[in-house]
Amino acid sequence: MIKNDVLHPRKKEVTSYTLKNIVLWMAENNPQASFHKKSILQWLHEALDALRVALITLELPYYMIPERNLMATSGLDGEQQRTWISTITDMLHEGPRVILRLPKIRQCIVAHPEPFRWYSRRRIELELLTLVRLNRVEICRDENGKVDFTDAIVQALIRRENEVITDVCVRMIMEGSRVINADDIFSKILM
């Protein structure tokens, strides 16, 4: 999708075969356990970076015959090379939002926005609660640096943060997730 919907090669400067070779090299050079559905955005980022490096250096070893350079005969002109490097660099800086560049993914979000909105509301609420709690903790800190966690406002904020995390955890379990660690969910939401 990135090749067709973002890069739009004019000829066959970058092909699906080129991208498959990047994936094969990534699989070869990383432990199998690091590939799972929750790491797909990380590996997309890694693959984009590998493609960017291949475009910069014009070198990408063919997986079956590593001595062969797939980029040597790509027919990539200088202007297109610079444009693609710039585009991919921008995509790398976008982080997970990079998937919104893909029309099919955007269409899924538009066609089924409820889960996205639900999680977004929980994230915003959790961010606000955390900021207010951190501020309140500073107010409750004495001259020795000790925090009075018995403060009713701090306790109420912590209680609501836990309620939000519990809601998210329950929904994730109902949707088939195996992540049930509240601390992991908290840190991932606020990432």
N, C-alpha and C. Protein backbone atom coordinates (compact mmCIF):
# COMPACT_ATOMS: atom_id res chain seq x y z
N MET A 1 0.83 -1.20 0.00
CA MET A 1 0.00 0.00 0.00
C MET A 1 0.87 1.26 0.00
N ILE A 2 1.97 1.23 0.75
CA ILE A 2 2.84 2.41 0.78
C ILE A 2 3.44 2.65 -0.59
N LYS A 3 3.87 1.57 -1.24
CA LYS A 3 4.45 1.71 -2.58
C LYS A 3 3.43 2.32 -3.53
N ASN A 4 2.22 1.78 -3.55
CA ASN A 4 1.22 2.23 -4.53
C ASN A 4 0.54 3.54 -4.15
N ASP A 5 0.23 3.73 -2.86
CA ASP A 5 -0.58 4.87 -2.44
C ASP A 5 0.24 6.09 -2.00
N VAL A 6 1.51 5.89 -1.68
CA VAL A 6 2.32 7.01 -1.21
C VAL A 6 3.45 7.32 -2.18
N LEU A 7 4.23 6.30 -2.55
CA LEU A 7 5.39 6.56 -3.41
C LEU A 7 5.02 6.72 -4.88
N HIS A 8 4.06 6.00 -5.37
CA HIS A 8 3.62 6.05 -6.76
C HIS A 8 4.79 5.92 -7.74
N PRO A 9 5.46 4.76 -7.79
CA PRO A 9 6.57 4.63 -8.73
C PRO A 9 6.10 4.81 -10.18
N ARG A 10 6.91 5.50 -10.96
CA ARG A 10 6.55 5.76 -12.36
C ARG A 10 6.76 4.51 -13.21
N LYS A 11 7.89 3.86 -12.95
CA LYS A 11 8.19 2.61 -13.68
C LYS A 11 8.24 1.52 -12.63
N LYS A 12 9.37 0.87 -12.52
CA LYS A 12 9.53 -0.18 -11.50
C LYS A 12 10.77 0.12 -10.67
N GLU A 13 10.92 1.40 -10.28
CA GLU A 13 12.09 1.79 -9.49
C GLU A 13 12.09 1.10 -8.13
N VAL A 14 10.91 0.99 -7.53
CA VAL A 14 10.72 0.23 -6.30
C VAL A 14 9.52 -0.68 -6.55
N THR A 15 9.74 -1.97 -6.39
CA THR A 15 8.69 -2.95 -6.66
C THR A 15 8.27 -3.65 -5.38
N SER A 16 7.20 -4.40 -5.46
CA SER A 16 6.79 -5.23 -4.33
C SER A 16 7.90 -6.21 -3.98
N TYR A 17 8.60 -6.66 -4.98
CA TYR A 17 9.71 -7.60 -4.78
C TYR A 17 10.82 -6.95 -3.95
N THR A 18 11.09 -5.69 -4.22
CA THR A 18 12.09 -4.95 -3.44
C THR A 18 11.67 -4.91 -1.97
N LEU A 19 10.40 -4.59 -1.73
CA LEU A 19 9.90 -4.51 -0.36
C LEU A 19 9.88 -5.87 0.31
N LYS A 20 9.58 -6.92 -0.44
CA LYS A 20 9.61 -8.27 0.12
C LYS A 20 11.03 -8.63 0.57
N ASN A 21 12.03 -8.19 -0.19
CA ASN A 21 13.41 -8.45 0.20
C ASN A 21 13.76 -7.76 1.51
N ILE A 22 13.26 -6.56 1.70
CA ILE A 22 13.48 -5.86 2.97
C ILE A 22 12.88 -6.66 4.11
N VAL A 23 11.66 -7.14 3.92
CA VAL A 23 10.99 -7.94 4.95
C VAL A 23 11.77 -9.22 5.23
N LEU A 24 12.25 -9.89 4.19
CA LEU A 24 13.02 -11.12 4.38
C LEU A 24 14.31 -10.86 5.16
N TRP A 25 15.01 -9.75 4.85
CA TRP A 25 16.22 -9.42 5.59
C TRP A 25 15.90 -9.10 7.05
N MET A 26 14.79 -8.42 7.28
CA MET A 26 14.39 -8.12 8.67
C MET A 26 14.10 -9.42 9.42
N ALA A 27 13.40 -10.35 8.77
CA ALA A 27 13.10 -11.63 9.41
C ALA A 27 14.37 -12.43 9.67
N GLU A 28 15.31 -12.34 8.77
CA GLU A 28 16.58 -13.07 8.91
C GLU A 28 17.42 -12.53 10.07
N ASN A 29 17.38 -11.23 10.27
CA ASN A 29 18.29 -10.58 11.22
C ASN A 29 17.68 -10.29 12.59
N ASN A 30 16.46 -10.76 12.83
CA ASN A 30 15.80 -10.50 14.12
C ASN A 30 15.16 -11.78 14.63
N PRO A 31 15.08 -11.93 15.96
CA PRO A 31 14.47 -13.14 16.51
C PRO A 31 12.99 -13.24 16.17
N GLN A 32 12.54 -14.45 15.91
CA GLN A 32 11.15 -14.68 15.52
C GLN A 32 10.17 -14.17 16.57
N ALA A 33 10.54 -14.26 17.83
CA ALA A 33 9.64 -13.84 18.91
C ALA A 33 9.33 -12.35 18.87
N SER A 34 10.15 -11.57 18.19
CA SER A 34 9.91 -10.12 18.15
C SER A 34 8.85 -9.73 17.12
N PHE A 35 8.38 -10.70 16.33
CA PHE A 35 7.34 -10.43 15.34
C PHE A 35 5.99 -10.92 15.86
N HIS A 36 5.11 -9.99 16.15
CA HIS A 36 3.75 -10.31 16.56
C HIS A 36 2.86 -9.15 16.16
N LYS A 37 1.55 -9.36 16.24
CA LYS A 37 0.63 -8.35 15.71
C LYS A 37 0.73 -7.00 16.43
N LYS A 38 1.18 -7.01 17.68
CA LYS A 38 1.27 -5.74 18.41
C LYS A 38 2.52 -4.95 18.02
N SER A 39 3.45 -5.60 17.31
CA SER A 39 4.67 -4.88 16.92
C SER A 39 4.65 -4.48 15.45
N ILE A 40 3.51 -4.57 14.81
CA ILE A 40 3.46 -4.30 13.38
C ILE A 40 3.88 -2.87 13.03
N LEU A 41 3.48 -1.89 13.84
CA LEU A 41 3.87 -0.51 13.55
C LEU A 41 5.37 -0.31 13.74
N GLN A 42 5.94 -0.98 14.73
CA GLN A 42 7.40 -0.90 14.92
C GLN A 42 8.12 -1.45 13.69
N TRP A 43 7.64 -2.60 13.18
CA TRP A 43 8.30 -3.21 12.02
C TRP A 43 8.03 -2.42 10.75
N LEU A 44 6.88 -1.79 10.65
CA LEU A 44 6.63 -0.91 9.52
C LEU A 44 7.64 0.23 9.53
N HIS A 45 7.87 0.80 10.72
CA HIS A 45 8.85 1.87 10.88
C HIS A 45 10.25 1.37 10.47
N GLU A 46 10.62 0.18 10.94
CA GLU A 46 11.92 -0.39 10.60
C GLU A 46 12.06 -0.62 9.09
N ALA A 47 10.99 -1.12 8.47
CA ALA A 47 11.02 -1.38 7.04
C ALA A 47 11.12 -0.08 6.24
N LEU A 48 10.41 0.94 6.67
CA LEU A 48 10.51 2.24 6.01
C LEU A 48 11.92 2.80 6.12
N ASP A 49 12.51 2.64 7.30
CA ASP A 49 13.89 3.12 7.48
C ASP A 49 14.85 2.35 6.58
N ALA A 50 14.66 1.03 6.47
CA ALA A 50 15.52 0.22 5.59
C ALA A 50 15.34 0.64 4.14
N LEU A 51 14.10 0.94 3.73
CA LEU A 51 13.86 1.42 2.37
C LEU A 51 14.53 2.76 2.15
N ARG A 52 14.45 3.64 3.13
CA ARG A 52 15.09 4.96 3.02
C ARG A 52 16.60 4.81 2.86
N VAL A 53 17.21 3.93 3.65
CA VAL A 53 18.66 3.69 3.54
C VAL A 53 18.99 3.12 2.16
N ALA A 54 18.17 2.19 1.67
CA ALA A 54 18.40 1.62 0.34
C ALA A 54 18.31 2.68 -0.74
N LEU A 55 17.39 3.62 -0.58
CA LEU A 55 17.26 4.71 -1.56
C LEU A 55 18.43 5.68 -1.48
N ILE A 56 18.91 5.94 -0.28
CA ILE A 56 20.06 6.85 -0.12
C ILE A 56 21.32 6.23 -0.71
N THR A 57 21.57 4.97 -0.36
CA THR A 57 22.82 4.30 -0.77
C THR A 57 22.72 3.63 -2.13
N LEU A 58 21.48 3.47 -2.61
CA LEU A 58 21.20 2.70 -3.83
C LEU A 58 21.78 1.28 -3.73
N GLU A 59 21.66 0.72 -2.52
CA GLU A 59 22.13 -0.64 -2.28
C GLU A 59 21.10 -1.40 -1.45
N LEU A 60 20.71 -2.55 -1.98
CA LEU A 60 19.84 -3.47 -1.25
C LEU A 60 20.18 -4.87 -1.73
N PRO A 61 20.82 -5.68 -0.89
CA PRO A 61 21.18 -7.03 -1.32
C PRO A 61 19.94 -7.88 -1.59
N TYR A 62 19.99 -8.61 -2.69
CA TYR A 62 18.95 -9.57 -3.03
C TYR A 62 19.02 -10.68 -1.98
N TYR A 63 17.89 -11.06 -1.42
CA TYR A 63 17.88 -12.02 -0.33
C TYR A 63 18.44 -13.38 -0.76
N MET A 64 18.10 -13.83 -1.96
CA MET A 64 18.54 -15.15 -2.42
C MET A 64 20.00 -15.17 -2.85
N ILE A 65 20.46 -14.07 -3.41
CA ILE A 65 21.85 -13.95 -3.86
C ILE A 65 22.37 -12.62 -3.33
N PRO A 66 22.87 -12.59 -2.09
CA PRO A 66 23.25 -11.32 -1.45
C PRO A 66 24.26 -10.48 -2.22
N GLU A 67 25.02 -11.10 -3.12
CA GLU A 67 26.00 -10.33 -3.90
C GLU A 67 25.32 -9.44 -4.94
N ARG A 68 24.08 -9.75 -5.25
CA ARG A 68 23.33 -8.98 -6.25
C ARG A 68 22.63 -7.79 -5.58
N ASN A 69 22.77 -6.61 -6.17
CA ASN A 69 22.19 -5.38 -5.64
C ASN A 69 20.89 -5.07 -6.39
N LEU A 70 19.78 -5.15 -5.67
CA LEU A 70 18.48 -4.91 -6.30
C LEU A 70 18.30 -3.45 -6.74
N MET A 71 19.00 -2.54 -6.11
CA MET A 71 18.84 -1.12 -6.43
C MET A 71 19.71 -0.69 -7.61
N ALA A 72 20.66 -1.53 -8.01
CA ALA A 72 21.59 -1.14 -9.08
C ALA A 72 20.88 -0.86 -10.39
N THR A 73 19.84 -1.60 -10.68
CA THR A 73 19.14 -1.43 -11.95
C THR A 73 17.74 -0.84 -11.75
N SER A 74 17.55 -0.09 -10.69
CA SER A 74 16.22 0.43 -10.38
C SER A 74 15.75 1.52 -11.34
N GLY A 75 16.68 2.21 -12.00
CA GLY A 75 16.31 3.28 -12.90
C GLY A 75 15.80 4.52 -12.18
N LEU A 76 16.19 4.68 -10.93
CA LEU A 76 15.75 5.78 -10.10
C LEU A 76 16.52 7.05 -10.46
N ASP A 77 15.79 8.12 -10.84
CA ASP A 77 16.48 9.38 -11.15
C ASP A 77 16.66 10.21 -9.88
N GLY A 78 17.56 11.14 -9.90
CA GLY A 78 17.94 11.94 -8.72
C GLY A 78 16.78 12.67 -8.08
N GLU A 79 15.91 13.27 -8.90
CA GLU A 79 14.79 14.03 -8.35
C GLU A 79 13.81 13.11 -7.61
N GLN A 80 13.50 11.98 -8.24
CA GLN A 80 12.59 11.02 -7.61
C GLN A 80 13.22 10.45 -6.33
N GLN A 81 14.51 10.19 -6.37
CA GLN A 81 15.22 9.67 -5.20
C GLN A 81 15.10 10.66 -4.03
N ARG A 82 15.37 11.94 -4.28
CA ARG A 82 15.27 12.95 -3.23
C ARG A 82 13.84 13.07 -2.70
N THR A 83 12.87 13.04 -3.60
CA THR A 83 11.46 13.15 -3.20
C THR A 83 11.07 11.98 -2.30
N TRP A 84 11.43 10.76 -2.70
CA TRP A 84 11.08 9.59 -1.91
C TRP A 84 11.78 9.58 -0.56
N ILE A 85 13.05 9.97 -0.54
CA ILE A 85 13.78 10.02 0.73
C ILE A 85 13.11 11.02 1.67
N SER A 86 12.73 12.17 1.13
CA SER A 86 12.05 13.18 1.93
C SER A 86 10.69 12.67 2.42
N THR A 87 9.93 12.05 1.54
CA THR A 87 8.61 11.52 1.91
C THR A 87 8.74 10.46 3.00
N ILE A 88 9.68 9.54 2.84
CA ILE A 88 9.85 8.47 3.82
C ILE A 88 10.35 9.04 5.15
N THR A 89 11.23 10.02 5.10
CA THR A 89 11.70 10.67 6.33
C THR A 89 10.53 11.31 7.06
N ASP A 90 9.66 12.00 6.33
CA ASP A 90 8.45 12.59 6.94
C ASP A 90 7.58 11.51 7.56
N MET A 91 7.43 10.39 6.86
CA MET A 91 6.62 9.29 7.36
C MET A 91 7.20 8.73 8.66
N LEU A 92 8.51 8.63 8.73
CA LEU A 92 9.16 8.11 9.93
C LEU A 92 8.93 9.03 11.12
N HIS A 93 8.88 10.33 10.86
CA HIS A 93 8.64 11.30 11.94
C HIS A 93 7.18 11.30 12.40
N GLU A 94 6.27 10.81 11.56
CA GLU A 94 4.85 10.78 11.91
C GLU A 94 4.52 9.71 12.94
N GLY A 95 5.38 8.73 13.09
CA GLY A 95 5.11 7.64 14.03
C GLY A 95 3.91 6.83 13.58
N PRO A 96 3.09 6.36 14.52
CA PRO A 96 1.95 5.50 14.17
C PRO A 96 0.93 6.17 13.25
N ARG A 97 0.90 7.50 13.24
CA ARG A 97 -0.06 8.20 12.36
C ARG A 97 0.24 7.96 10.89
N VAL A 98 1.40 7.38 10.59
CA VAL A 98 1.77 7.13 9.21
C VAL A 98 0.72 6.27 8.50
N ILE A 99 0.04 5.41 9.24
CA ILE A 99 -0.95 4.55 8.59
C ILE A 99 -2.14 5.35 8.05
N LEU A 100 -2.32 6.57 8.54
CA LEU A 100 -3.42 7.40 8.04
C LEU A 100 -3.15 7.90 6.62
N ARG A 101 -1.93 7.75 6.14
CA ARG A 101 -1.62 8.11 4.75
C ARG A 101 -2.20 7.08 3.78
N LEU A 102 -2.59 5.94 4.30
CA LEU A 102 -3.06 4.86 3.44
C LEU A 102 -4.58 4.92 3.33
N PRO A 103 -5.10 5.16 2.13
CA PRO A 103 -6.54 5.35 1.95
C PRO A 103 -7.39 4.20 2.50
N LYS A 104 -6.96 2.96 2.33
CA LYS A 104 -7.77 1.83 2.82
C LYS A 104 -7.87 1.85 4.34
N ILE A 105 -6.79 2.20 5.00
CA ILE A 105 -6.80 2.27 6.47
C ILE A 105 -7.69 3.44 6.91
N ARG A 106 -7.52 4.60 6.28
CA ARG A 106 -8.37 5.75 6.62
C ARG A 106 -9.84 5.41 6.43
N GLN A 107 -10.16 4.71 5.34
CA GLN A 107 -11.54 4.34 5.06
C GLN A 107 -12.08 3.43 6.16
N CYS A 108 -11.28 2.51 6.66
CA CYS A 108 -11.72 1.64 7.76
C CYS A 108 -12.04 2.45 9.01
N ILE A 109 -11.20 3.44 9.29
CA ILE A 109 -11.41 4.27 10.47
C ILE A 109 -12.68 5.10 10.30
N VAL A 110 -12.89 5.61 9.08
CA VAL A 110 -14.09 6.41 8.83
C VAL A 110 -15.33 5.53 8.85
N ALA A 111 -15.24 4.33 8.29
CA ALA A 111 -16.39 3.43 8.23
C ALA A 111 -16.74 2.84 9.60
N HIS A 112 -15.75 2.67 10.46
CA HIS A 112 -15.97 2.07 11.79
C HIS A 112 -15.26 2.93 12.85
N PRO A 113 -15.73 4.15 13.06
CA PRO A 113 -15.01 5.06 13.95
C PRO A 113 -15.23 4.84 15.45
N GLU A 114 -16.26 4.08 15.82
CA GLU A 114 -16.61 3.97 17.24
C GLU A 114 -15.46 3.50 18.12
N PRO A 115 -14.77 2.39 17.80
CA PRO A 115 -13.68 1.97 18.68
C PRO A 115 -12.58 3.03 18.77
N PHE A 116 -12.27 3.64 17.65
CA PHE A 116 -11.24 4.67 17.62
C PHE A 116 -11.63 5.84 18.52
N ARG A 117 -12.89 6.29 18.41
CA ARG A 117 -13.36 7.40 19.26
C ARG A 117 -13.37 7.00 20.73
N TRP A 118 -13.82 5.78 21.03
CA TRP A 118 -13.90 5.32 22.42
C TRP A 118 -12.51 5.34 23.07
N TYR A 119 -11.53 4.75 22.39
CA TYR A 119 -10.16 4.73 22.94
C TYR A 119 -9.57 6.13 23.00
N SER A 120 -9.88 6.97 22.02
CA SER A 120 -9.37 8.35 22.02
C SER A 120 -9.91 9.14 23.22
N ARG A 121 -11.20 8.97 23.53
CA ARG A 121 -11.78 9.65 24.69
C ARG A 121 -11.11 9.19 25.98
N ARG A 122 -10.88 7.88 26.10
CA ARG A 122 -10.22 7.36 27.31
C ARG A 122 -8.79 7.89 27.41
N ARG A 123 -8.11 7.97 26.30
CA ARG A 123 -6.74 8.47 26.32
C ARG A 123 -6.70 9.94 26.75
N ILE A 124 -7.56 10.75 26.18
CA ILE A 124 -7.61 12.17 26.54
C ILE A 124 -7.93 12.34 28.01
N GLU A 125 -8.92 11.59 28.49
CA GLU A 125 -9.27 11.69 29.91
C GLU A 125 -8.09 11.28 30.78
N LEU A 126 -7.43 10.20 30.41
CA LEU A 126 -6.29 9.72 31.21
C LEU A 126 -5.14 10.73 31.18
N GLU A 127 -4.88 11.34 30.04
CA GLU A 127 -3.84 12.37 29.95
C GLU A 127 -4.16 13.54 30.88
N LEU A 128 -5.42 14.00 30.85
CA LEU A 128 -5.81 15.13 31.69
C LEU A 128 -5.74 14.77 33.18
N LEU A 129 -6.23 13.59 33.53
CA LEU A 129 -6.16 13.15 34.93
C LEU A 129 -4.71 13.07 35.41
N THR A 130 -3.85 12.55 34.59
CA THR A 130 -2.44 12.41 34.96
C THR A 130 -1.79 13.77 35.14
N LEU A 131 -2.07 14.70 34.25
CA LEU A 131 -1.51 16.05 34.39
C LEU A 131 -2.00 16.74 35.67
N VAL A 132 -3.29 16.63 35.92
CA VAL A 132 -3.86 17.25 37.13
C VAL A 132 -3.27 16.59 38.38
N ARG A 133 -3.14 15.24 38.35
CA ARG A 133 -2.58 14.53 39.50
C ARG A 133 -1.12 14.94 39.74
N LEU A 134 -0.32 15.02 38.67
CA LEU A 134 1.08 15.42 38.84
C LEU A 134 1.18 16.83 39.42
N ASN A 135 0.31 17.72 38.97
CA ASN A 135 0.27 19.07 39.50
C ASN A 135 -0.12 19.07 40.98
N ARG A 136 -1.15 18.29 41.31
CA ARG A 136 -1.61 18.22 42.70
C ARG A 136 -0.55 17.60 43.61
N VAL A 137 0.17 16.61 43.11
CA VAL A 137 1.24 15.99 43.90
C VAL A 137 2.30 17.03 44.26
N GLU A 138 2.61 17.91 43.32
CA GLU A 138 3.59 18.97 43.61
C GLU A 138 3.06 19.93 44.67
N ILE A 139 1.78 20.21 44.63
CA ILE A 139 1.17 21.09 45.65
C ILE A 139 1.22 20.42 47.02
N CYS A 140 1.08 19.10 47.03
CA CYS A 140 1.04 18.34 48.30
C CYS A 140 2.44 17.97 48.81
N ARG A 141 3.47 18.42 48.13
CA ARG A 141 4.84 18.10 48.54
C ARG A 141 5.29 19.08 49.62
N ASP A 142 5.84 18.55 50.71
CA ASP A 142 6.30 19.45 51.78
C ASP A 142 7.73 19.91 51.51
N GLU A 143 8.27 20.69 52.45
CA GLU A 143 9.61 21.26 52.26
C GLU A 143 10.71 20.21 52.21
N ASN A 144 10.45 19.01 52.69
CA ASN A 144 11.43 17.91 52.65
C ASN A 144 11.27 17.05 51.40
N GLY A 145 10.32 17.39 50.57
CA GLY A 145 10.10 16.64 49.33
C GLY A 145 9.14 15.47 49.49
N LYS A 146 8.59 15.29 50.69
CA LYS A 146 7.66 14.19 50.93
C LYS A 146 6.26 14.60 50.48
N VAL A 147 5.57 13.67 49.78
CA VAL A 147 4.23 13.94 49.25
C VAL A 147 3.19 13.34 50.19
N ASP A 148 2.15 14.12 50.44
CA ASP A 148 1.03 13.67 51.26
C ASP A 148 0.01 12.99 50.33
N PHE A 149 0.13 11.65 50.22
CA PHE A 149 -0.78 10.91 49.34
C PHE A 149 -2.15 10.67 49.97
N THR A 150 -2.34 11.14 51.20
CA THR A 150 -3.66 11.03 51.83
C THR A 150 -4.59 12.15 51.39
N ASP A 151 -4.05 13.10 50.61
CA ASP A 151 -4.85 14.20 50.10
C ASP A 151 -6.05 13.64 49.31
N ALA A 152 -7.24 14.12 49.64
CA ALA A 152 -8.47 13.60 49.04
C ALA A 152 -8.49 13.78 47.52
N ILE A 153 -7.96 14.88 47.04
CA ILE A 153 -7.97 15.13 45.59
C ILE A 153 -7.02 14.17 44.88
N VAL A 154 -5.84 13.96 45.43
CA VAL A 154 -4.89 13.02 44.84
C VAL A 154 -5.51 11.62 44.80
N GLN A 155 -6.14 11.21 45.89
CA GLN A 155 -6.76 9.89 45.94
C GLN A 155 -7.90 9.76 44.92
N ALA A 156 -8.69 10.81 44.77
CA ALA A 156 -9.79 10.78 43.80
C ALA A 156 -9.25 10.68 42.37
N LEU A 157 -8.17 11.42 42.09
CA LEU A 157 -7.56 11.37 40.75
C LEU A 157 -7.00 9.98 40.45
N ILE A 158 -6.31 9.40 41.42
CA ILE A 158 -5.76 8.05 41.25
C ILE A 158 -6.88 7.04 41.05
N ARG A 159 -7.96 7.17 41.84
CA ARG A 159 -9.10 6.27 41.72
C ARG A 159 -9.71 6.34 40.31
N ARG A 160 -9.89 7.57 39.80
CA ARG A 160 -10.47 7.71 38.45
C ARG A 160 -9.51 7.18 37.38
N GLU A 161 -8.20 7.43 37.52
CA GLU A 161 -7.23 6.87 36.57
C GLU A 161 -7.37 5.35 36.52
N ASN A 162 -7.48 4.73 37.70
CA ASN A 162 -7.62 3.27 37.76
C ASN A 162 -8.92 2.80 37.13
N GLU A 163 -10.00 3.56 37.30
CA GLU A 163 -11.28 3.21 36.66
C GLU A 163 -11.16 3.24 35.14
N VAL A 164 -10.49 4.27 34.62
CA VAL A 164 -10.32 4.39 33.17
C VAL A 164 -9.49 3.22 32.65
N ILE A 165 -8.39 2.92 33.34
CA ILE A 165 -7.53 1.81 32.92
C ILE A 165 -8.31 0.49 32.97
N THR A 166 -9.11 0.31 34.00
CA THR A 166 -9.92 -0.92 34.11
C THR A 166 -10.90 -1.01 32.95
N ASP A 167 -11.56 0.11 32.60
CA ASP A 167 -12.47 0.12 31.45
C ASP A 167 -11.75 -0.30 30.17
N VAL A 168 -10.57 0.27 29.96
CA VAL A 168 -9.80 -0.05 28.76
C VAL A 168 -9.39 -1.52 28.78
N CYS A 169 -8.93 -1.99 29.92
CA CYS A 169 -8.51 -3.38 30.05
C CYS A 169 -9.67 -4.34 29.74
N VAL A 170 -10.83 -4.07 30.30
CA VAL A 170 -12.00 -4.92 30.06
C VAL A 170 -12.36 -4.93 28.58
N ARG A 171 -12.36 -3.76 27.96
CA ARG A 171 -12.71 -3.70 26.53
C ARG A 171 -11.67 -4.44 25.69
N MET A 172 -10.39 -4.29 26.04
CA MET A 172 -9.35 -4.99 25.29
C MET A 172 -9.52 -6.50 25.40
N ILE A 173 -9.84 -6.98 26.59
CA ILE A 173 -10.06 -8.42 26.79
C ILE A 173 -11.26 -8.88 25.97
N MET A 174 -12.33 -8.09 25.98
CA MET A 174 -13.53 -8.44 25.21
C MET A 174 -13.23 -8.47 23.71
N GLU A 175 -12.26 -7.68 23.27
CA GLU A 175 -11.90 -7.65 21.85
C GLU A 175 -10.83 -8.67 21.51
N GLY A 176 -10.43 -9.49 22.50
CA GLY A 176 -9.51 -10.58 22.22
C GLY A 176 -8.05 -10.33 22.58
N SER A 177 -7.75 -9.21 23.22
CA SER A 177 -6.37 -8.93 23.60
C SER A 177 -5.95 -9.79 24.79
N ARG A 178 -4.67 -10.14 24.81
CA ARG A 178 -4.13 -10.88 25.94
C ARG A 178 -3.41 -9.97 26.91
N VAL A 179 -3.34 -8.68 26.63
CA VAL A 179 -2.69 -7.73 27.52
C VAL A 179 -3.65 -7.41 28.66
N ILE A 180 -3.27 -7.77 29.87
CA ILE A 180 -4.13 -7.50 31.02
C ILE A 180 -3.39 -6.76 32.13
N ASN A 181 -2.15 -6.40 31.88
CA ASN A 181 -1.36 -5.70 32.88
C ASN A 181 -1.74 -4.21 32.85
N ALA A 182 -2.30 -3.72 33.93
CA ALA A 182 -2.78 -2.33 33.99
C ALA A 182 -1.64 -1.33 33.78
N ASP A 183 -0.46 -1.62 34.33
CA ASP A 183 0.68 -0.70 34.16
C ASP A 183 1.09 -0.61 32.69
N ASP A 184 1.08 -1.76 31.99
CA ASP A 184 1.41 -1.75 30.57
C ASP A 184 0.39 -0.94 29.77
N ILE A 185 -0.88 -1.14 30.09
CA ILE A 185 -1.93 -0.41 29.38
C ILE A 185 -1.79 1.09 29.64
N PHE A 186 -1.55 1.45 30.89
CA PHE A 186 -1.37 2.87 31.25
C PHE A 186 -0.23 3.49 30.45
N SER A 187 0.93 2.81 30.42
CA SER A 187 2.08 3.38 29.72
C SER A 187 1.86 3.42 28.21
N LYS A 188 1.19 2.41 27.66
CA LYS A 188 0.95 2.40 26.21
C LYS A 188 -0.03 3.50 25.80
N ILE A 189 -1.05 3.73 26.62
CA ILE A 189 -2.02 4.78 26.31
C ILE A 189 -1.35 6.14 26.29
N LEU A 190 -0.46 6.36 27.23
CA LEU A 190 0.17 7.68 27.35
C LEU A 190 1.44 7.81 26.50
N MET A 191 1.76 6.80 25.69
CA MET A 191 2.95 6.84 24.85
C MET A 191 2.91 8.00 23.89
